[in-house]
Amino acid sequence: MNIYENIVIFNASLPDEEVNTSLLRIKDIITNAGGEILKADIWGRRKLAYEIKKQNKGVYTLLVYKTEPSTIRKLEEFYKVFDPVIKYMVIKLGPKQIKQFEQLQAAGGEQSKSEA
């Protein structure tokens, strides 16, 4: 299995509940295909660098997950027909990025333990 980083920009006019529901549908596609979600963040509403589908703002989300390459094809086909998604990008992480991600996760876990 490979590790992928996925940025998804949702339509900013969607209510927060719909964004969460849409994100759950994406997570379900990954987990139903035998993948594992490593990180899921909603970065919030932000101004787009340029207009996309007549939109100036979008809800940015980040997903990091481990899955088979065939799942990526399914996800990209889903994104193309799923109306709330206005832009997406999937990147396969290399060994260097994976190591860096694991170090960040370990540092984040230690930090949350010391705060408790």
N, C-alpha and C. Protein backbone atom coordinates (compact mmCIF):
# COMPACT_ATOMS: atom_id res chain seq x y z
N MET A 1 0.84 -1.19 0.00
CA MET A 1 0.00 0.00 0.00
C MET A 1 0.88 1.25 0.00
N ASN A 2 0.40 2.27 -0.68
CA ASN A 2 1.11 3.54 -0.74
C ASN A 2 0.43 4.55 0.17
N ILE A 3 1.16 5.60 0.53
CA ILE A 3 0.59 6.68 1.32
C ILE A 3 0.38 7.88 0.40
N TYR A 4 -0.82 8.46 0.48
CA TYR A 4 -1.20 9.58 -0.37
C TYR A 4 -1.63 10.77 0.47
N GLU A 5 -1.38 11.96 -0.09
CA GLU A 5 -1.86 13.20 0.49
C GLU A 5 -2.88 13.75 -0.49
N ASN A 6 -4.03 14.15 0.02
CA ASN A 6 -5.13 14.56 -0.84
C ASN A 6 -5.71 15.88 -0.33
N ILE A 7 -5.63 16.92 -1.16
CA ILE A 7 -6.27 18.20 -0.85
C ILE A 7 -7.58 18.24 -1.63
N VAL A 8 -8.66 18.55 -0.94
CA VAL A 8 -9.96 18.67 -1.58
C VAL A 8 -10.53 20.04 -1.23
N ILE A 9 -10.99 20.77 -2.23
CA ILE A 9 -11.62 22.07 -1.99
C ILE A 9 -13.10 21.92 -2.30
N PHE A 10 -13.92 22.17 -1.27
CA PHE A 10 -15.37 22.09 -1.41
C PHE A 10 -15.94 23.48 -1.68
N ASN A 11 -17.12 23.51 -2.24
CA ASN A 11 -17.84 24.76 -2.49
C ASN A 11 -18.05 25.48 -1.15
N ALA A 12 -17.69 26.75 -1.06
CA ALA A 12 -17.78 27.51 0.20
C ALA A 12 -19.21 27.80 0.62
N SER A 13 -20.16 27.71 -0.30
CA SER A 13 -21.55 28.00 0.05
C SER A 13 -22.22 26.83 0.79
N LEU A 14 -21.52 25.70 0.90
CA LEU A 14 -22.09 24.55 1.62
C LEU A 14 -22.06 24.80 3.13
N PRO A 15 -23.11 24.38 3.84
CA PRO A 15 -23.05 24.46 5.30
C PRO A 15 -22.03 23.45 5.85
N ASP A 16 -21.57 23.69 7.07
CA ASP A 16 -20.54 22.84 7.67
C ASP A 16 -20.97 21.37 7.76
N GLU A 17 -22.26 21.12 8.02
CA GLU A 17 -22.73 19.74 8.12
C GLU A 17 -22.56 19.01 6.79
N GLU A 18 -22.83 19.71 5.69
CA GLU A 18 -22.70 19.09 4.37
C GLU A 18 -21.24 18.82 4.02
N VAL A 19 -20.35 19.72 4.44
CA VAL A 19 -18.92 19.52 4.21
C VAL A 19 -18.47 18.27 4.97
N ASN A 20 -18.90 18.15 6.23
CA ASN A 20 -18.55 16.97 7.04
C ASN A 20 -19.12 15.69 6.42
N THR A 21 -20.35 15.74 5.93
CA THR A 21 -20.97 14.58 5.31
C THR A 21 -20.21 14.19 4.04
N SER A 22 -19.82 15.20 3.24
CA SER A 22 -19.06 14.93 2.02
C SER A 22 -17.71 14.31 2.34
N LEU A 23 -17.07 14.82 3.38
CA LEU A 23 -15.77 14.27 3.80
C LEU A 23 -15.93 12.83 4.28
N LEU A 24 -17.03 12.53 4.97
CA LEU A 24 -17.31 11.16 5.41
C LEU A 24 -17.48 10.22 4.22
N ARG A 25 -18.14 10.70 3.15
CA ARG A 25 -18.31 9.87 1.95
C ARG A 25 -16.96 9.53 1.34
N ILE A 26 -16.06 10.51 1.31
CA ILE A 26 -14.71 10.27 0.76
C ILE A 26 -13.96 9.27 1.64
N LYS A 27 -14.05 9.45 2.96
CA LYS A 27 -13.38 8.52 3.88
C LYS A 27 -13.93 7.10 3.71
N ASP A 28 -15.25 7.00 3.50
CA ASP A 28 -15.88 5.68 3.32
C ASP A 28 -15.35 4.98 2.07
N ILE A 29 -15.16 5.71 1.00
CA ILE A 29 -14.62 5.13 -0.23
C ILE A 29 -13.24 4.53 0.05
N ILE A 30 -12.43 5.27 0.79
CA ILE A 30 -11.07 4.81 1.10
C ILE A 30 -11.09 3.59 2.02
N THR A 31 -11.86 3.65 3.11
CA THR A 31 -11.87 2.55 4.07
C THR A 31 -12.56 1.30 3.50
N ASN A 32 -13.59 1.48 2.67
CA ASN A 32 -14.26 0.33 2.07
C ASN A 32 -13.37 -0.40 1.07
N ALA A 33 -12.37 0.31 0.54
CA ALA A 33 -11.43 -0.31 -0.39
C ALA A 33 -10.23 -0.91 0.35
N GLY A 34 -10.29 -0.95 1.67
CA GLY A 34 -9.22 -1.54 2.45
C GLY A 34 -8.15 -0.55 2.87
N GLY A 35 -8.39 0.74 2.67
CA GLY A 35 -7.42 1.77 3.04
C GLY A 35 -7.55 2.17 4.50
N GLU A 36 -6.64 3.05 4.91
CA GLU A 36 -6.62 3.52 6.29
C GLU A 36 -6.38 5.03 6.29
N ILE A 37 -7.24 5.77 6.98
CA ILE A 37 -7.09 7.21 7.09
C ILE A 37 -6.06 7.50 8.18
N LEU A 38 -5.00 8.22 7.84
CA LEU A 38 -3.96 8.57 8.80
C LEU A 38 -4.19 9.95 9.40
N LYS A 39 -4.76 10.86 8.60
CA LYS A 39 -5.00 12.22 9.08
C LYS A 39 -6.10 12.84 8.24
N ALA A 40 -6.99 13.58 8.89
CA ALA A 40 -8.04 14.31 8.19
C ALA A 40 -8.23 15.65 8.88
N ASP A 41 -7.97 16.72 8.16
CA ASP A 41 -8.10 18.08 8.70
C ASP A 41 -9.00 18.91 7.81
N ILE A 42 -9.82 19.74 8.44
CA ILE A 42 -10.59 20.74 7.71
C ILE A 42 -9.92 22.07 8.01
N TRP A 43 -9.35 22.68 6.97
CA TRP A 43 -8.63 23.94 7.15
C TRP A 43 -9.56 25.14 7.17
N GLY A 44 -10.78 24.97 6.74
CA GLY A 44 -11.76 26.05 6.79
C GLY A 44 -11.93 26.78 5.46
N ARG A 45 -12.74 27.84 5.52
CA ARG A 45 -13.03 28.63 4.32
C ARG A 45 -11.88 29.61 4.06
N ARG A 46 -11.42 29.59 2.82
CA ARG A 46 -10.31 30.47 2.42
C ARG A 46 -10.56 31.01 1.02
N LYS A 47 -9.92 32.11 0.74
CA LYS A 47 -10.00 32.71 -0.60
C LYS A 47 -9.16 31.88 -1.56
N LEU A 48 -9.71 31.60 -2.74
CA LEU A 48 -8.98 30.86 -3.76
C LEU A 48 -7.97 31.77 -4.45
N ALA A 49 -6.90 31.21 -4.94
CA ALA A 49 -5.89 31.99 -5.66
C ALA A 49 -6.45 32.54 -6.97
N TYR A 50 -7.37 31.79 -7.57
CA TYR A 50 -8.02 32.22 -8.80
C TYR A 50 -9.42 31.62 -8.81
N GLU A 51 -10.29 32.19 -9.63
CA GLU A 51 -11.68 31.75 -9.68
C GLU A 51 -11.78 30.35 -10.29
N ILE A 52 -12.52 29.47 -9.60
CA ILE A 52 -12.74 28.11 -10.07
C ILE A 52 -14.25 27.87 -10.08
N LYS A 53 -14.78 27.50 -11.22
CA LYS A 53 -16.22 27.23 -11.37
C LYS A 53 -17.06 28.38 -10.79
N LYS A 54 -16.65 29.60 -11.11
CA LYS A 54 -17.32 30.83 -10.68
C LYS A 54 -17.33 31.01 -9.16
N GLN A 55 -16.37 30.41 -8.48
CA GLN A 55 -16.25 30.53 -7.02
C GLN A 55 -14.96 31.27 -6.68
N ASN A 56 -15.02 32.15 -5.66
CA ASN A 56 -13.84 32.87 -5.19
C ASN A 56 -13.33 32.33 -3.87
N LYS A 57 -14.17 31.55 -3.17
CA LYS A 57 -13.78 30.95 -1.89
C LYS A 57 -14.07 29.47 -1.91
N GLY A 58 -13.40 28.74 -1.01
CA GLY A 58 -13.62 27.31 -0.91
C GLY A 58 -13.30 26.82 0.49
N VAL A 59 -13.80 25.64 0.81
CA VAL A 59 -13.50 24.99 2.09
C VAL A 59 -12.38 23.99 1.82
N TYR A 60 -11.21 24.25 2.38
CA TYR A 60 -10.04 23.41 2.15
C TYR A 60 -10.01 22.26 3.15
N THR A 61 -9.73 21.06 2.66
CA THR A 61 -9.56 19.90 3.53
C THR A 61 -8.32 19.12 3.12
N LEU A 62 -7.70 18.48 4.09
CA LEU A 62 -6.50 17.68 3.84
C LEU A 62 -6.75 16.27 4.36
N LEU A 63 -6.45 15.29 3.53
CA LEU A 63 -6.53 13.89 3.93
C LEU A 63 -5.18 13.24 3.66
N VAL A 64 -4.70 12.45 4.60
CA VAL A 64 -3.52 11.63 4.39
C VAL A 64 -3.98 10.21 4.68
N TYR A 65 -3.75 9.31 3.72
CA TYR A 65 -4.24 7.94 3.89
C TYR A 65 -3.34 6.94 3.19
N LYS A 66 -3.51 5.70 3.62
CA LYS A 66 -2.76 4.58 3.07
C LYS A 66 -3.76 3.71 2.31
N THR A 67 -3.49 3.47 1.01
CA THR A 67 -4.41 2.67 0.22
C THR A 67 -3.72 2.13 -1.04
N GLU A 68 -4.43 1.31 -1.77
CA GLU A 68 -3.94 0.75 -3.03
C GLU A 68 -4.11 1.77 -4.16
N PRO A 69 -3.28 1.70 -5.20
CA PRO A 69 -3.41 2.65 -6.32
C PRO A 69 -4.77 2.58 -7.03
N SER A 70 -5.41 1.43 -7.04
CA SER A 70 -6.71 1.31 -7.71
C SER A 70 -7.78 2.18 -7.03
N THR A 71 -7.63 2.41 -5.74
CA THR A 71 -8.58 3.25 -5.01
C THR A 71 -8.49 4.70 -5.47
N ILE A 72 -7.29 5.14 -5.83
CA ILE A 72 -7.10 6.52 -6.29
C ILE A 72 -7.91 6.76 -7.55
N ARG A 73 -7.94 5.80 -8.44
CA ARG A 73 -8.73 5.93 -9.67
C ARG A 73 -10.21 6.08 -9.33
N LYS A 74 -10.69 5.27 -8.37
CA LYS A 74 -12.10 5.37 -7.94
C LYS A 74 -12.38 6.74 -7.35
N LEU A 75 -11.47 7.22 -6.51
CA LEU A 75 -11.64 8.53 -5.87
C LEU A 75 -11.69 9.65 -6.90
N GLU A 76 -10.78 9.63 -7.86
CA GLU A 76 -10.75 10.69 -8.86
C GLU A 76 -12.01 10.69 -9.72
N GLU A 77 -12.53 9.51 -10.04
CA GLU A 77 -13.79 9.43 -10.78
C GLU A 77 -14.94 9.98 -9.95
N PHE A 78 -14.91 9.70 -8.64
CA PHE A 78 -15.93 10.21 -7.73
C PHE A 78 -15.87 11.74 -7.66
N TYR A 79 -14.66 12.30 -7.53
CA TYR A 79 -14.50 13.75 -7.44
C TYR A 79 -15.05 14.46 -8.68
N LYS A 80 -14.86 13.86 -9.84
CA LYS A 80 -15.29 14.49 -11.10
C LYS A 80 -16.80 14.65 -11.18
N VAL A 81 -17.56 13.77 -10.54
CA VAL A 81 -19.02 13.83 -10.63
C VAL A 81 -19.68 14.32 -9.34
N PHE A 82 -18.91 14.51 -8.28
CA PHE A 82 -19.44 14.93 -6.99
C PHE A 82 -19.49 16.45 -6.94
N ASP A 83 -20.68 17.04 -6.99
CA ASP A 83 -20.85 18.49 -7.13
C ASP A 83 -20.20 19.34 -6.03
N PRO A 84 -20.22 18.96 -4.75
CA PRO A 84 -19.59 19.82 -3.74
C PRO A 84 -18.10 20.05 -3.95
N VAL A 85 -17.41 19.16 -4.66
CA VAL A 85 -15.97 19.30 -4.87
C VAL A 85 -15.73 20.22 -6.07
N ILE A 86 -14.96 21.32 -5.82
CA ILE A 86 -14.64 22.20 -6.94
C ILE A 86 -13.21 22.00 -7.43
N LYS A 87 -12.33 21.42 -6.61
CA LYS A 87 -10.95 21.14 -7.02
C LYS A 87 -10.37 20.08 -6.08
N TYR A 88 -9.48 19.25 -6.61
CA TYR A 88 -8.82 18.24 -5.79
C TYR A 88 -7.43 17.98 -6.33
N MET A 89 -6.57 17.44 -5.48
CA MET A 89 -5.24 17.05 -5.91
C MET A 89 -4.79 15.89 -5.03
N VAL A 90 -4.32 14.82 -5.67
CA VAL A 90 -3.83 13.64 -4.96
C VAL A 90 -2.35 13.49 -5.27
N ILE A 91 -1.55 13.36 -4.21
CA ILE A 91 -0.10 13.23 -4.36
C ILE A 91 0.35 11.97 -3.63
N LYS A 92 1.13 11.14 -4.34
CA LYS A 92 1.72 9.96 -3.71
C LYS A 92 2.98 10.42 -2.98
N LEU A 93 3.06 10.11 -1.69
CA LEU A 93 4.21 10.53 -0.90
C LEU A 93 5.39 9.59 -1.14
N GLY A 94 6.58 10.17 -1.27
CA GLY A 94 7.80 9.40 -1.42
C GLY A 94 8.36 9.04 -0.06
N PRO A 95 9.42 8.25 -0.02
CA PRO A 95 10.00 7.81 1.25
C PRO A 95 10.40 8.98 2.17
N LYS A 96 10.93 10.04 1.59
CA LYS A 96 11.34 11.21 2.37
C LYS A 96 10.13 11.88 3.04
N GLN A 97 9.06 12.07 2.27
CA GLN A 97 7.85 12.70 2.80
C GLN A 97 7.17 11.82 3.84
N ILE A 98 7.20 10.50 3.63
CA ILE A 98 6.60 9.58 4.59
C ILE A 98 7.33 9.67 5.93
N LYS A 99 8.65 9.69 5.88
CA LYS A 99 9.45 9.80 7.10
C LYS A 99 9.15 11.11 7.82
N GLN A 100 9.07 12.20 7.06
CA GLN A 100 8.77 13.50 7.63
C GLN A 100 7.36 13.51 8.26
N PHE A 101 6.39 12.91 7.58
CA PHE A 101 5.02 12.83 8.10
C PHE A 101 4.99 12.05 9.41
N GLU A 102 5.70 10.91 9.46
CA GLU A 102 5.73 10.10 10.67
C GLU A 102 6.37 10.86 11.83
N GLN A 103 7.42 11.65 11.55
CA GLN A 103 8.06 12.44 12.59
C GLN A 103 7.11 13.51 13.12
N LEU A 104 6.36 14.14 12.22
CA LEU A 104 5.38 15.15 12.64
C LEU A 104 4.28 14.53 13.49
N GLN A 105 3.81 13.34 13.09
CA GLN A 105 2.78 12.65 13.85
C GLN A 105 3.28 12.28 15.24
N ALA A 106 4.53 11.80 15.32
CA ALA A 106 5.12 11.42 16.60
C ALA A 106 5.27 12.65 17.49
N ALA A 107 5.72 13.76 16.93
CA ALA A 107 5.88 15.00 17.70
C ALA A 107 4.52 15.53 18.16
N GLY A 108 3.52 15.43 17.31
CA GLY A 108 2.17 15.86 17.67
C GLY A 108 1.59 15.00 18.77
N GLY A 109 1.85 13.70 18.74
CA GLY A 109 1.36 12.78 19.78
C GLY A 109 2.02 13.06 21.12
N GLU A 110 3.31 13.33 21.12
CA GLU A 110 4.01 13.65 22.35
C GLU A 110 3.52 14.98 22.92
N GLN A 111 3.27 15.95 22.05
CA GLN A 111 2.83 17.25 22.47
C GLN A 111 1.45 17.17 23.14
N SER A 112 0.54 16.38 22.55
CA SER A 112 -0.80 16.27 23.13
C SER A 112 -0.77 15.52 24.46
N LYS A 113 0.17 14.58 24.63
CA LYS A 113 0.30 13.88 25.91
C LYS A 113 0.78 14.82 27.00
N SER A 114 1.73 15.71 26.66
CA SER A 114 2.26 16.64 27.67
C SER A 114 1.24 17.70 28.05
N GLU A 115 0.29 18.02 27.15
CA GLU A 115 -0.75 19.00 27.45
C GLU A 115 -1.81 18.43 28.38
N ALA A 116 -1.99 17.12 28.37
CA ALA A 116 -3.06 16.49 29.16
C ALA A 116 -2.75 16.44 30.63
